PDB file of N, CA and C in Angstrom:
ATOM      1  N   MET A   1       4.063 -98.467 -42.277  1.00  0.00           N
ATOM      2  CA  MET A   1       3.060 -97.420 -42.089  1.00  0.00           C
ATOM      3  C   MET A   1       1.788 -97.867 -42.736  1.00  0.00           C
ATOM      4  N   ASN A   2       0.711 -97.590 -42.129  1.00  0.00           N
ATOM      5  CA  ASN A   2      -0.581 -97.952 -42.731  1.00  0.00           C
ATOM      6  C   ASN A   2      -1.302 -96.699 -43.217  1.00  0.00           C
ATOM      7  N   VAL A   3      -1.947 -96.934 -44.344  1.00  0.00           N
ATOM      8  CA  VAL A   3      -2.691 -95.854 -44.968  1.00  0.00           C
ATOM      9  C   VAL A   3      -4.175 -96.233 -44.659  1.00  0.00           C
ATOM     10  N   VAL A   4      -4.950 -95.266 -44.200  1.00  0.00           N
ATOM     11  CA  VAL A   4      -6.347 -95.454 -43.727  1.00  0.00           C
ATOM     12  C   VAL A   4      -7.243 -94.590 -44.554  1.00  0.00           C
ATOM     13  N   GLU A   5      -8.314 -95.121 -45.085  1.00  0.00           N
ATOM     14  CA  GLU A   5      -9.345 -94.349 -45.745  1.00  0.00           C
ATOM     15  C   GLU A   5     -10.380 -94.066 -44.647  1.00  0.00           C
ATOM     16  N   VAL A   6     -10.733 -92.722 -44.578  1.00  0.00           N
ATOM     17  CA  VAL A   6     -11.674 -92.281 -43.548  1.00  0.00           C
ATOM     18  C   VAL A   6     -12.706 -91.349 -44.159  1.00  0.00           C
ATOM     19  N   ASN A   7     -13.706 -90.948 -43.398  1.00  0.00           N
ATOM     20  CA  ASN A   7     -14.662 -89.993 -43.887  1.00  0.00           C
ATOM     21  C   ASN A   7     -14.161 -88.577 -43.717  1.00  0.00           C
ATOM     22  N   LYS A   8     -14.818 -87.603 -44.264  1.00  0.00           N
ATOM     23  CA  LYS A   8     -14.342 -86.220 -44.224  1.00  0.00           C
ATOM     24  C   LYS A   8     -14.102 -85.681 -42.842  1.00  0.00           C
ATOM     25  N   ALA A   9     -14.998 -86.010 -41.870  1.00  0.00           N
ATOM     26  CA  ALA A   9     -14.805 -85.518 -40.512  1.00  0.00           C
ATOM     27  C   ALA A   9     -13.570 -86.087 -39.881  1.00  0.00           C
ATOM     28  N   ASP A  10     -13.358 -87.382 -40.015  1.00  0.00           N
ATOM     29  CA  ASP A  10     -12.168 -88.004 -39.515  1.00  0.00           C
ATOM     30  C   ASP A  10     -10.864 -87.506 -40.245  1.00  0.00           C
ATOM     31  N   TYR A  11     -11.010 -87.209 -41.541  1.00  0.00           N
ATOM     32  CA  TYR A  11      -9.865 -86.688 -42.285  1.00  0.00           C
ATOM     33  C   TYR A  11      -9.502 -85.307 -41.698  1.00  0.00           C
ATOM     34  N   GLU A  12     -10.455 -84.469 -41.446  1.00  0.00           N
ATOM     35  CA  GLU A  12     -10.168 -83.138 -40.989  1.00  0.00           C
ATOM     36  C   GLU A  12      -9.588 -83.145 -39.505  1.00  0.00           C
ATOM     37  N   SER A  13      -9.976 -84.125 -38.694  1.00  0.00           N
ATOM     38  CA  SER A  13      -9.535 -84.228 -37.357  1.00  0.00           C
ATOM     39  C   SER A  13      -8.356 -85.240 -37.140  1.00  0.00           C
ATOM     40  N   CYS A  14      -7.931 -85.856 -38.219  1.00  0.00           N
ATOM     41  CA  CYS A  14      -6.887 -86.883 -38.191  1.00  0.00           C
ATOM     42  C   CYS A  14      -7.264 -88.057 -37.270  1.00  0.00           C
ATOM     43  N   ASN A  15      -8.467 -88.499 -37.296  1.00  0.00           N
ATOM     44  CA  ASN A  15      -8.910 -89.555 -36.512  1.00  0.00           C
ATOM     45  C   ASN A  15      -8.934 -90.873 -37.293  1.00  0.00           C
ATOM     46  N   ALA A  16      -8.162 -91.817 -36.911  1.00  0.00           N
ATOM     47  CA  ALA A  16      -8.051 -93.119 -37.574  1.00  0.00           C
ATOM     48  C   ALA A  16      -8.803 -94.193 -36.866  1.00  0.00           C
ATOM     49  N   ASP A  17      -9.664 -93.847 -35.892  1.00  0.00           N
ATOM     50  CA  ASP A  17     -10.337 -94.852 -35.055  1.00  0.00           C
ATOM     51  C   ASP A  17     -11.550 -95.529 -35.808  1.00  0.00           C
ATOM     52  N   HIS A  18     -12.040 -94.963 -36.833  1.00  0.00           N
ATOM     53  CA  HIS A  18     -13.134 -95.563 -37.614  1.00  0.00           C
ATOM     54  C   HIS A  18     -12.812 -95.611 -39.049  1.00  0.00           C
ATOM     55  N   PRO A  19     -11.842 -96.435 -39.489  1.00  0.00           N
ATOM     56  CA  PRO A  19     -11.459 -96.473 -40.909  1.00  0.00           C
ATOM     57  C   PRO A  19     -12.527 -97.124 -41.791  1.00  0.00           C
ATOM     58  N   LEU A  20     -12.616 -96.600 -43.003  1.00  0.00           N
ATOM     59  CA  LEU A  20     -13.499 -97.201 -43.969  1.00  0.00           C
ATOM     60  C   LEU A  20     -12.707 -98.397 -44.624  1.00  0.00           C
ATOM     61  N   HIS A  21     -11.397 -98.250 -44.702  1.00  0.00           N
ATOM     62  CA  HIS A  21     -10.598 -99.276 -45.263  1.00  0.00           C
ATOM     63  C   HIS A  21      -9.155 -98.984 -44.809  1.00  0.00           C
ATOM     64  N   SER A  22      -8.386 -99.997 -44.686  1.00  0.00           N
ATOM     65  CA  SER A  22      -6.993 -99.856 -44.206  1.00  0.00           C
ATOM     66  C   SER A  22      -6.062-100.679 -45.047  1.00  0.00           C
ATOM     67  N   TRP A  23      -4.955-100.089 -45.440  1.00  0.00           N
ATOM     68  CA  TRP A  23      -3.860-100.751 -46.198  1.00  0.00           C
ATOM     69  C   TRP A  23      -2.630-100.787 -45.383  1.00  0.00           C
ATOM     70  N   THR A  24      -2.103-101.962 -45.109  1.00  0.00           N
ATOM     71  CA  THR A  24      -0.937-102.089 -44.232  1.00  0.00           C
ATOM     72  C   THR A  24       0.227-102.803 -44.832  1.00  0.00           C
ATOM     73  N   THR A  25       0.183-103.047 -46.137  1.00  0.00           N
ATOM     74  CA  THR A  25       1.284-103.755 -46.831  1.00  0.00           C
ATOM     75  C   THR A  25       2.602-103.088 -46.626  1.00  0.00           C
ATOM     76  N   GLY A  26       2.577-101.740 -46.814  1.00  0.00           N
ATOM     77  CA  GLY A  26       3.748-100.937 -46.581  1.00  0.00           C
ATOM     78  C   GLY A  26       4.726-100.977 -47.735  1.00  0.00           C
ATOM     79  N   ALA A  27       5.839-100.305 -47.586  1.00  0.00           N
ATOM     80  CA  ALA A  27       6.968-100.263 -48.551  1.00  0.00           C
ATOM     81  C   ALA A  27       6.517 -99.771 -49.931  1.00  0.00           C
ATOM     82  N   GLY A  28       5.482 -98.946 -50.022  1.00  0.00           N
ATOM     83  CA  GLY A  28       4.999 -98.444 -51.235  1.00  0.00           C
ATOM     84  C   GLY A  28       4.336 -99.382 -52.136  1.00  0.00           C
ATOM     85  N   ARG A  29       3.934-100.557 -51.652  1.00  0.00           N
ATOM     86  CA  ARG A  29       3.284-101.556 -52.506  1.00  0.00           C
ATOM     87  C   ARG A  29       1.779-101.527 -52.488  1.00  0.00           C
ATOM     88  N   ASP A  30       1.190-100.647 -51.736  1.00  0.00           N
ATOM     89  CA  ASP A  30      -0.269-100.606 -51.657  1.00  0.00           C
ATOM     90  C   ASP A  30      -0.839 -99.939 -52.890  1.00  0.00           C
ATOM     91  N   VAL A  31      -1.885-100.541 -53.403  1.00  0.00           N
ATOM     92  CA  VAL A  31      -2.571 -99.988 -54.563  1.00  0.00           C
ATOM     93  C   VAL A  31      -4.042 -99.748 -54.097  1.00  0.00           C
ATOM     94  N   VAL A  32      -4.466 -98.512 -54.252  1.00  0.00           N
ATOM     95  CA  VAL A  32      -5.812 -98.097 -53.867  1.00  0.00           C
ATOM     96  C   VAL A  32      -6.667 -97.859 -55.085  1.00  0.00           C
ATOM     97  N   PRO A  33      -7.721 -98.698 -55.305  1.00  0.00           N
ATOM     98  CA  PRO A  33      -8.532 -98.480 -56.442  1.00  0.00           C
ATOM     99  C   PRO A  33      -9.376 -97.209 -56.321  1.00  0.00           C
ATOM    100  N   LEU A  34      -9.309 -96.329 -57.275  1.00  0.00           N
ATOM    101  CA  LEU A  34     -10.135 -95.134 -57.294  1.00  0.00           C
ATOM    102  C   LEU A  34     -11.052 -95.181 -58.518  1.00  0.00           C
ATOM    103  N   ASN A  35     -11.892 -96.134 -58.475  1.00  0.00           N
ATOM    104  CA  ASN A  35     -12.740 -96.390 -59.688  1.00  0.00           C
ATOM    105  C   ASN A  35     -14.180 -95.978 -59.529  1.00  0.00           C
ATOM    106  N   VAL A  36     -14.555 -95.358 -58.410  1.00  0.00           N
ATOM    107  CA  VAL A  36     -15.911 -94.820 -58.158  1.00  0.00           C
ATOM    108  C   VAL A  36     -15.834 -93.344 -58.042  1.00  0.00           C
ATOM    109  N   THR A  37     -16.789 -92.652 -58.756  1.00  0.00           N
ATOM    110  CA  THR A  37     -16.830 -91.207 -58.691  1.00  0.00           C
ATOM    111  C   THR A  37     -17.309 -90.752 -57.322  1.00  0.00           C
ATOM    112  N   ARG A  38     -16.335 -90.172 -56.560  1.00  0.00           N
ATOM    113  CA  ARG A  38     -16.651 -89.670 -55.245  1.00  0.00           C
ATOM    114  C   ARG A  38     -15.393 -89.023 -54.640  1.00  0.00           C
ATOM    115  N   ASN A  39     -15.507 -88.479 -53.403  1.00  0.00           N
ATOM    116  CA  ASN A  39     -14.323 -87.972 -52.694  1.00  0.00           C
ATOM    117  C   ASN A  39     -13.722 -89.115 -51.857  1.00  0.00           C
ATOM    118  N   TYR A  40     -12.445 -89.204 -51.877  1.00  0.00           N
ATOM    119  CA  TYR A  40     -11.665 -90.169 -51.040  1.00  0.00           C
ATOM    120  C   TYR A  40     -10.813 -89.371 -50.046  1.00  0.00           C
ATOM    121  N   TYR A  41     -10.759 -89.849 -48.843  1.00  0.00           N
ATOM    122  CA  TYR A  41      -9.963 -89.237 -47.831  1.00  0.00           C
ATOM    123  C   TYR A  41      -8.947 -90.236 -47.206  1.00  0.00           C
ATOM    124  N   PHE A  42      -7.687 -90.018 -47.307  1.00  0.00           N
ATOM    125  CA  PHE A  42      -6.670 -90.904 -46.751  1.00  0.00           C
ATOM    126  C   PHE A  42      -5.778 -90.202 -45.746  1.00  0.00           C
ATOM    127  N   ILE A  43      -5.524 -90.901 -44.672  1.00  0.00           N
ATOM    128  CA  ILE A  43      -4.626 -90.357 -43.636  1.00  0.00           C
ATOM    129  C   ILE A  43      -3.612 -91.448 -43.229  1.00  0.00           C
ATOM    130  N   SER A  44      -2.569 -91.075 -42.595  1.00  0.00           N
ATOM    131  CA  SER A  44      -1.617 -92.025 -41.999  1.00  0.00           C
ATOM    132  C   SER A  44      -2.284 -92.507 -40.704  1.00  0.00           C
ATOM    133  N   GLY A  45      -2.304 -93.790 -40.533  1.00  0.00           N
ATOM    134  CA  GLY A  45      -2.899 -94.396 -39.291  1.00  0.00           C
ATOM    135  C   GLY A  45      -1.988 -94.413 -38.130  1.00  0.00           C
ATOM    136  N   ARG A  46      -0.840 -93.886 -38.246  1.00  0.00           N
ATOM    137  CA  ARG A  46       0.166 -93.921 -37.118  1.00  0.00           C
ATOM    138  C   ARG A  46       0.427 -92.613 -36.493  1.00  0.00           C
ATOM    139  N   GLY A  47      -0.404 -91.594 -36.717  1.00  0.00           N
ATOM    140  CA  GLY A  47      -0.251 -90.312 -36.065  1.00  0.00           C
ATOM    141  C   GLY A  47       0.506 -89.286 -36.937  1.00  0.00           C
ATOM    142  N   PHE A  48       0.991 -89.709 -38.087  1.00  0.00           N
ATOM    143  CA  PHE A  48       1.717 -88.773 -38.982  1.00  0.00           C
ATOM    144  C   PHE A  48       0.765 -87.794 -39.641  1.00  0.00           C
ATOM    145  N   CYS A  49      -0.500 -88.095 -39.567  1.00  0.00           N
ATOM    146  CA  CYS A  49      -1.553 -87.145 -40.199  1.00  0.00           C
ATOM    147  C   CYS A  49      -1.377 -85.783 -39.535  1.00  0.00           C
ATOM    148  N   TYR A  50      -1.087 -85.722 -38.270  1.00  0.00           N
ATOM    149  CA  TYR A  50      -0.912 -84.417 -37.616  1.00  0.00           C
ATOM    150  C   TYR A  50       0.174 -83.572 -38.210  1.00  0.00           C
ATOM    151  N   GLY A  51       1.204 -84.269 -38.760  1.00  0.00           N
ATOM    152  CA  GLY A  51       2.297 -83.589 -39.469  1.00  0.00           C
ATOM    153  C   GLY A  51       2.013 -83.328 -40.968  1.00  0.00           C
ATOM    154  N   GLY A  52       0.811 -83.666 -41.430  1.00  0.00           N
ATOM    155  CA  GLY A  52       0.469 -83.349 -42.775  1.00  0.00           C
ATOM    156  C   GLY A  52       0.375 -84.560 -43.739  1.00  0.00           C
ATOM    157  N   MET A  53       0.614 -85.781 -43.221  1.00  0.00           N
ATOM    158  CA  MET A  53       0.530 -86.921 -44.094  1.00  0.00           C
ATOM    159  C   MET A  53      -0.917 -87.378 -44.252  1.00  0.00           C
ATOM    160  N   LYS A  54      -1.613 -86.621 -45.076  1.00  0.00           N
ATOM    161  CA  LYS A  54      -2.977 -86.936 -45.436  1.00  0.00           C
ATOM    162  C   LYS A  54      -3.248 -86.365 -46.840  1.00  0.00           C
ATOM    163  N   VAL A  55      -4.198 -86.963 -47.544  1.00  0.00           N
ATOM    164  CA  VAL A  55      -4.563 -86.504 -48.873  1.00  0.00           C
ATOM    165  C   VAL A  55      -6.017 -86.767 -49.141  1.00  0.00           C
ATOM    166  N   ALA A  56      -6.630 -85.775 -49.788  1.00  0.00           N
ATOM    167  CA  ALA A  56      -8.052 -85.846 -50.257  1.00  0.00           C
ATOM    168  C   ALA A  56      -8.049 -85.974 -51.784  1.00  0.00           C
ATOM    169  N   VAL A  57      -8.748 -86.860 -52.288  1.00  0.00           N
ATOM    170  CA  VAL A  57      -8.802 -87.135 -53.759  1.00  0.00           C
ATOM    171  C   VAL A  57     -10.237 -87.041 -54.238  1.00  0.00           C
ATOM    172  N   ARG A  58     -10.509 -86.296 -55.202  1.00  0.00           N
ATOM    173  CA  ARG A  58     -11.824 -86.196 -55.839  1.00  0.00           C
ATOM    174  C   ARG A  58     -11.820 -86.885 -57.187  1.00  0.00           C
ATOM    175  N   VAL A  59     -12.536 -87.902 -57.336  1.00  0.00           N
ATOM    176  CA  VAL A  59     -12.570 -88.674 -58.628  1.00  0.00           C
ATOM    177  C   VAL A  59     -13.890 -88.268 -59.309  1.00  0.00           C
ATOM    178  N   GLU A  60     -13.665 -87.775 -60.532  1.00  0.00           N
ATOM    179  CA  GLU A  60     -14.805 -87.369 -61.335  1.00  0.00           C
ATOM    180  C   GLU A  60     -14.957 -88.229 -62.604  1.00  0.00           C
ATOM    181  N   ASN A  61     -16.099 -88.164 -63.162  1.00  0.00           N
ATOM    182  CA  ASN A  61     -16.311 -88.881 -64.453  1.00  0.00           C
ATOM    183  C   ASN A  61     -15.437 -88.191 -65.530  1.00  0.00           C
ATOM    184  N   ARG A  62     -14.985 -89.029 -66.442  1.00  0.00           N
ATOM    185  CA  ARG A  62     -14.227 -88.467 -67.586  1.00  0.00           C
ATOM    186  C   ARG A  62     -15.199 -87.601 -68.401  1.00  0.00           C
ATOM    187  N   PRO A  63     -14.569 -86.451 -68.911  1.00  0.00           N
ATOM    188  CA  PRO A  63     -15.405 -85.671 -69.807  1.00  0.00           C
ATOM    189  C   PRO A  63     -15.603 -86.375 -71.093  1.00  0.00           C
ATOM    190  N   PRO A  64     -16.670 -86.066 -71.811  1.00  0.00           N
ATOM    191  CA  PRO A  64     -16.845 -86.738 -73.121  1.00  0.00           C
ATOM    192  C   PRO A  64     -15.797 -86.278 -74.040  1.00  0.00           C
ATOM    193  N   PRO A  65     -15.457 -87.142 -74.966  1.00  0.00           N
ATOM    194  CA  PRO A  65     -14.404 -86.755 -75.994  1.00  0.00           C
ATOM    195  C   PRO A  65     -14.902 -85.537 -76.828  1.00  0.00           C
ATOM    196  N   PRO A  66     -13.970 -84.715 -77.226  1.00  0.00           N
ATOM    197  CA  PRO A  66     -14.405 -83.568 -78.041  1.00  0.00           C
ATOM    198  C   PRO A  66     -14.993 -84.053 -79.371  1.00  0.00           C
ATOM    199  N   THR A  67     -16.001 -83.371 -79.784  1.00  0.00           N
ATOM    200  CA  THR A  67     -16.664 -83.713 -81.035  1.00  0.00           C
ATOM    201  C   THR A  67     -15.886 -83.033 -82.164  1.00  0.00           C
ATOM    202  N   SER A  68     -15.772 -83.742 -83.302  1.00  0.00           N
ATOM    203  CA  SER A  68     -15.123 -83.177 -84.423  1.00  0.00           C
ATOM    204  C   SER A  68     -16.093 -82.253 -85.126  1.00  0.00           C
ATOM    205  N   VAL A  69     -15.613 -81.172 -85.696  1.00  0.00           N
ATOM    206  CA  VAL A  69     -16.387 -80.229 -86.375  1.00  0.00           C
ATOM    207  C   VAL A  69     -16.142 -80.378 -87.842  1.00  0.00           C
ATOM    208  N   GLN A  70     -17.149 -80.547 -88.626  1.00  0.00           N
ATOM    209  CA  GLN A  70     -16.976 -80.631 -90.034  1.00  0.00           C
ATOM    210  C   GLN A  70     -16.822 -79.276 -90.629  1.00  0.00           C
ATOM    211  N   LEU A  71     -15.750 -79.056 -91.295  1.00  0.00           N
ATOM    212  CA  LEU A  71     -15.508 -77.782 -91.956  1.00  0.00           C
ATOM    213  C   LEU A  71     -16.110 -77.821 -93.340  1.00  0.00           C
ATOM    214  N   THR A  72     -16.861 -76.928 -93.683  1.00  0.00           N
ATOM    215  CA  THR A  72     -17.486 -76.920 -95.028  1.00  0.00           C
ATOM    216  C   THR A  72     -16.925 -75.683 -95.782  1.00  0.00           C
ATOM    217  N   GLU A  73     -16.736 -75.850 -97.060  1.00  0.00           N
ATOM    218  CA  GLU A  73     -16.236 -74.713 -97.826  1.00  0.00           C
ATOM    219  C   GLU A  73     -17.413 -73.729 -98.106  1.00  0.00           C
ATOM    220  N   LYS A  74     -17.162 -72.498 -98.003  1.00  0.00           N
ATOM    221  CA  LYS A  74     -18.191 -71.498 -98.259  1.00  0.00           C
ATOM    222  C   LYS A  74     -17.952 -71.037 -99.650  1.00  0.00           C
ATOM    223  N   SER A  75     -19.013 -70.741-100.278  1.00  0.00           N
ATOM    224  CA  SER A  75     -18.946 -70.227-101.669  1.00  0.00           C
ATOM    225  C   SER A  75     -18.741 -68.729-101.610  1.00  0.00           C
ATOM    226  N   ASP A  76     -18.863 -68.116-100.409  1.00  0.00           N
ATOM    227  CA  ASP A  76     -18.697 -66.701-100.265  1.00  0.00           C
ATOM    228  C   ASP A  76     -17.241 -66.324-100.369  1.00  0.00           C
ATOM    229  N   SER A  77     -16.928 -65.439-101.291  1.00  0.00           N
ATOM    230  CA  SER A  77     -15.508 -65.150-101.544  1.00  0.00           C
ATOM    231  C   SER A  77     -14.971 -64.165-100.514  1.00  0.00           C
ATOM    232  N   SER A  78     -15.789 -63.574 -99.642  1.00  0.00           N
ATOM    233  CA  SER A  78     -15.289 -62.646 -98.616  1.00  0.00           C
ATOM    234  C   SER A  78     -14.572 -63.336 -97.490  1.00  0.00           C
ATOM    235  N   SER A  79     -14.766 -64.688 -97.357  1.00  0.00           N
ATOM    236  CA  SER A  79     -14.122 -65.356 -96.300  1.00  0.00           C
ATOM    237  C   SER A  79     -12.715 -65.819 -96.634  1.00  0.00           C
ATOM    238  N   SER A  80     -12.421 -65.935 -97.852  1.00  0.00           N
ATOM    239  CA  SER A  80     -11.080 -66.395 -98.292  1.00  0.00           C
ATOM    240  C   SER A  80      -9.956 -65.422 -97.980  1.00  0.00           C
ATOM    241  N   PRO A  81     -10.088 -64.106 -98.185  1.00  0.00           N
ATOM    242  CA  PRO A  81      -9.001 -63.241 -97.825  1.00  0.00           C
ATOM    243  C   PRO A  81      -8.626 -63.188 -96.370  1.00  0.00           C
ATOM    244  N   ILE A  82      -9.534 -63.521 -95.457  1.00  0.00           N
ATOM    245  CA  ILE A  82      -9.253 -63.560 -94.119  1.00  0.00           C
ATOM    246  C   ILE A  82      -8.179 -64.642 -93.841  1.00  0.00           C
ATOM    247  N   VAL A  83      -8.325 -65.765 -94.443  1.00  0.00           N
ATOM    248  CA  VAL A  83      -7.350 -66.805 -94.275  1.00  0.00           C
ATOM    249  C   VAL A  83      -5.987 -66.394 -94.807  1.00  0.00           C
ATOM    250  N   TYR A  84      -5.984 -65.765 -95.988  1.00  0.00           N
ATOM    251  CA  TYR A  84      -4.683 -65.361 -96.519  1.00  0.00           C
ATOM    252  C   TYR A  84      -4.090 -64.254 -95.711  1.00  0.00           C
ATOM    253  N   ILE A  85      -4.843 -63.338 -95.201  1.00  0.00           N
ATOM    254  CA  ILE A  85      -4.350 -62.283 -94.370  1.00  0.00           C
ATOM    255  C   ILE A  85      -3.660 -62.841 -93.139  1.00  0.00           C
ATOM    256  N   GLY A  86      -4.339 -63.812 -92.513  1.00  0.00           N
ATOM    257  CA  GLY A  86      -3.755 -64.450 -91.341  1.00  0.00           C
ATOM    258  C   GLY A  86      -2.451 -65.180 -91.635  1.00  0.00           C
ATOM    259  N   GLN A  87      -2.307 -65.737 -92.849  1.00  0.00           N
ATOM    260  CA  GLN A  87      -1.157 -66.489 -93.226  1.00  0.00           C
ATOM    261  C   GLN A  87      -0.003 -65.550 -93.584  1.00  0.00           C
ATOM    262  N   LEU A  88      -0.343 -64.290 -93.958  1.00  0.00           N
ATOM    263  CA  LEU A  88       0.718 -63.359 -94.380  1.00  0.00           C
ATOM    264  C   LEU A  88       1.129 -62.424 -93.212  1.00  0.00           C
ATOM    265  N   VAL A  89       0.283 -62.197 -92.253  1.00  0.00           N
ATOM    266  CA  VAL A  89       0.570 -61.267 -91.189  1.00  0.00           C
ATOM    267  C   VAL A  89       1.770 -61.758 -90.341  1.00  0.00           C
ATOM    268  N   LEU A  90       1.724 -63.028 -89.945  1.00  0.00           N
ATOM    269  CA  LEU A  90       2.791 -63.554 -89.069  1.00  0.00           C
ATOM    270  C   LEU A  90       4.143 -63.541 -89.746  1.00  0.00           C
ATOM    271  N   PRO A  91       4.297 -63.961 -90.985  1.00  0.00           N
ATOM    272  CA  PRO A  91       5.700 -63.858 -91.607  1.00  0.00           C
ATOM    273  C   PRO A  91       6.065 -62.409 -91.794  1.00  0.00           C
ATOM    274  N   ALA A  92       5.146 -61.554 -92.103  1.00  0.00           N
ATOM    275  CA  ALA A  92       5.434 -60.142 -92.278  1.00  0.00           C
ATOM    276  C   ALA A  92       5.972 -59.610 -90.988  1.00  0.00           C
ATOM    277  N   ASN A  93       5.427 -59.936 -89.809  1.00  0.00           N
ATOM    278  CA  ASN A  93       5.897 -59.467 -88.482  1.00  0.00           C
ATOM    279  C   ASN A  93       7.327 -59.949 -88.267  1.00  0.00           C
ATOM    280  N   PHE A  94       7.658 -61.186 -88.645  1.00  0.00           N
ATOM    281  CA  PHE A  94       8.997 -61.650 -88.488  1.00  0.00           C
ATOM    282  C   PHE A  94       9.996 -60.882 -89.424  1.00  0.00           C
ATOM    283  N   ILE A  95       9.587 -60.592 -90.566  1.00  0.00           N
ATOM    284  CA  ILE A  95      10.416 -59.821 -91.532  1.00  0.00           C
ATOM    285  C   ILE A  95      10.662 -58.443 -90.976  1.00  0.00           C
ATOM    286  N   ILE A  96       9.635 -57.793 -90.477  1.00  0.00           N
ATOM    287  CA  ILE A  96       9.819 -56.421 -89.951  1.00  0.00           C
ATOM    288  C   ILE A  96      10.675 -56.472 -88.698  1.00  0.00           C
ATOM    289  N   ALA A  97      10.501 -57.439 -87.844  1.00  0.00           N
ATOM    290  CA  ALA A  97      11.328 -57.572 -86.630  1.00  0.00           C
ATOM    291  C   ALA A  97      12.803 -57.830 -87.006  1.00  0.00           C
ATOM    292  N   ALA A  98      13.065 -58.611 -88.031  1.00  0.00           N
ATOM    293  CA  ALA A  98      14.462 -58.926 -88.442  1.00  0.00           C
ATOM    294  C   ALA A  98      15.106 -57.643 -89.042  1.00  0.00           C
ATOM    295  N   LEU A  99      14.324 -56.922 -89.855  1.00  0.00           N
ATOM    296  CA  LEU A  99      14.848 -55.686 -90.383  1.00  0.00           C
ATOM    297  C   LEU A  99      15.121 -54.610 -89.304  1.00  0.00           C
ATOM    298  N   TRP A 100      14.229 -54.538 -88.330  1.00  0.00           N
ATOM    299  CA  TRP A 100      14.412 -53.562 -87.276  1.00  0.00           C
ATOM    300  C   TRP A 100      15.714 -53.976 -86.415  1.00  0.00           C
ATOM    301  N   ASP A 101      15.846 -55.216 -86.201  1.00  0.00           N
ATOM    302  CA  ASP A 101      17.006 -55.724 -85.430  1.00  0.00           C
ATOM    303  C   ASP A 101      18.263 -55.407 -86.164  1.00  0.00           C
ATOM    304  N   THR A 102      18.275 -55.638 -87.484  1.00  0.00           N
ATOM    305  CA  THR A 102      19.442 -55.350 -88.311  1.00  0.00           C
ATOM    306  C   THR A 102      19.757 -53.827 -88.332  1.00  0.00           C
ATOM    307  N   PHE A 103      18.738 -53.066 -88.483  1.00  0.00           N
ATOM    308  CA  PHE A 103      18.911 -51.602 -88.478  1.00  0.00           C
ATOM    309  C   PHE A 103      19.485 -51.065 -87.128  1.00  0.00           C
ATOM    310  N   THR A 104      18.945 -51.548 -86.020  1.00  0.00           N
ATOM    311  CA  THR A 104      19.391 -51.056 -84.717  1.00  0.00           C
ATOM    312  C   THR A 104      20.903 -51.512 -84.464  1.00  0.00           C
ATOM    313  N   ARG A 105      21.239 -52.708 -84.931  1.00  0.00           N
ATOM    314  CA  ARG A 105      22.635 -53.181 -84.726  1.00  0.00           C
ATOM    315  C   ARG A 105      23.593 -52.349 -85.558  1.00  0.00           C
ATOM    316  N   ILE A 106      23.232 -52.053 -86.783  1.00  0.00           N
ATOM    317  CA  ILE A 106      24.061 -51.187 -87.632  1.00  0.00           C
ATOM    318  C   ILE A 106      24.164 -49.795 -87.072  1.00  0.00           C
ATOM    319  N   TRP A 107      23.065 -49.248 -86.677  1.00  0.00           N
ATOM    320  CA  TRP A 107      23.079 -47.897 -86.045  1.00  0.00           C
ATOM    321  C   TRP A 107      23.876 -47.828 -84.771  1.00  0.00           C
ATOM    322  N   TYR A 108      23.747 -48.871 -83.970  1.00  0.00           N
ATOM    323  CA  TYR A 108      24.451 -48.931 -82.673  1.00  0.00           C
ATOM    324  C   TYR A 108      25.961 -48.978 -82.879  1.00  0.00           C
ATOM    325  N   PHE A 109      26.438 -49.787 -83.852  1.00  0.00           N
ATOM    326  CA  PHE A 109      27.845 -49.979 -84.054  1.00  0.00           C
ATOM    327  C   PHE A 109      28.502 -48.818 -84.746  1.00  0.00           C
ATOM    328  N   GLN A 110      27.705 -48.024 -85.528  1.00  0.00           N
ATOM    329  CA  GLN A 110      28.206 -46.813 -86.155  1.00  0.00           C
ATOM    330  C   GLN A 110      28.444 -45.670 -85.198  1.00  0.00           C
ATOM    331  N   ASN A 111      27.678 -45.644 -84.103  1.00  0.00           N
ATOM    332  CA  ASN A 111      27.763 -44.562 -83.183  1.00  0.00           C
ATOM    333  C   ASN A 111      28.658 -44.885 -82.021  1.00  0.00           C
TER     334      ASN A 111
END
């Protein structure tokens, strides 16, 4: 089976008469370089495109790496309790849920 790179119009109409590039090695050994930022359109050159053997690939530039944010300590004492509250709320929720589960099991088995 040959894989054919075509333009968008030929991709949409499954027309392999004007290929931009053709790969005919077969047996899954073809390697298609996708190293240019653009849209690529590939179809089967043997008529299987009409059955859905086609793929469009959009290659984009890599996004820039995330920047690291420098955390600075604030001398304001009002920001400290927020951290502690967040650290205590989650464990407290688990304790309340465990107690509620225990209570409902005891109540259920007594009735």
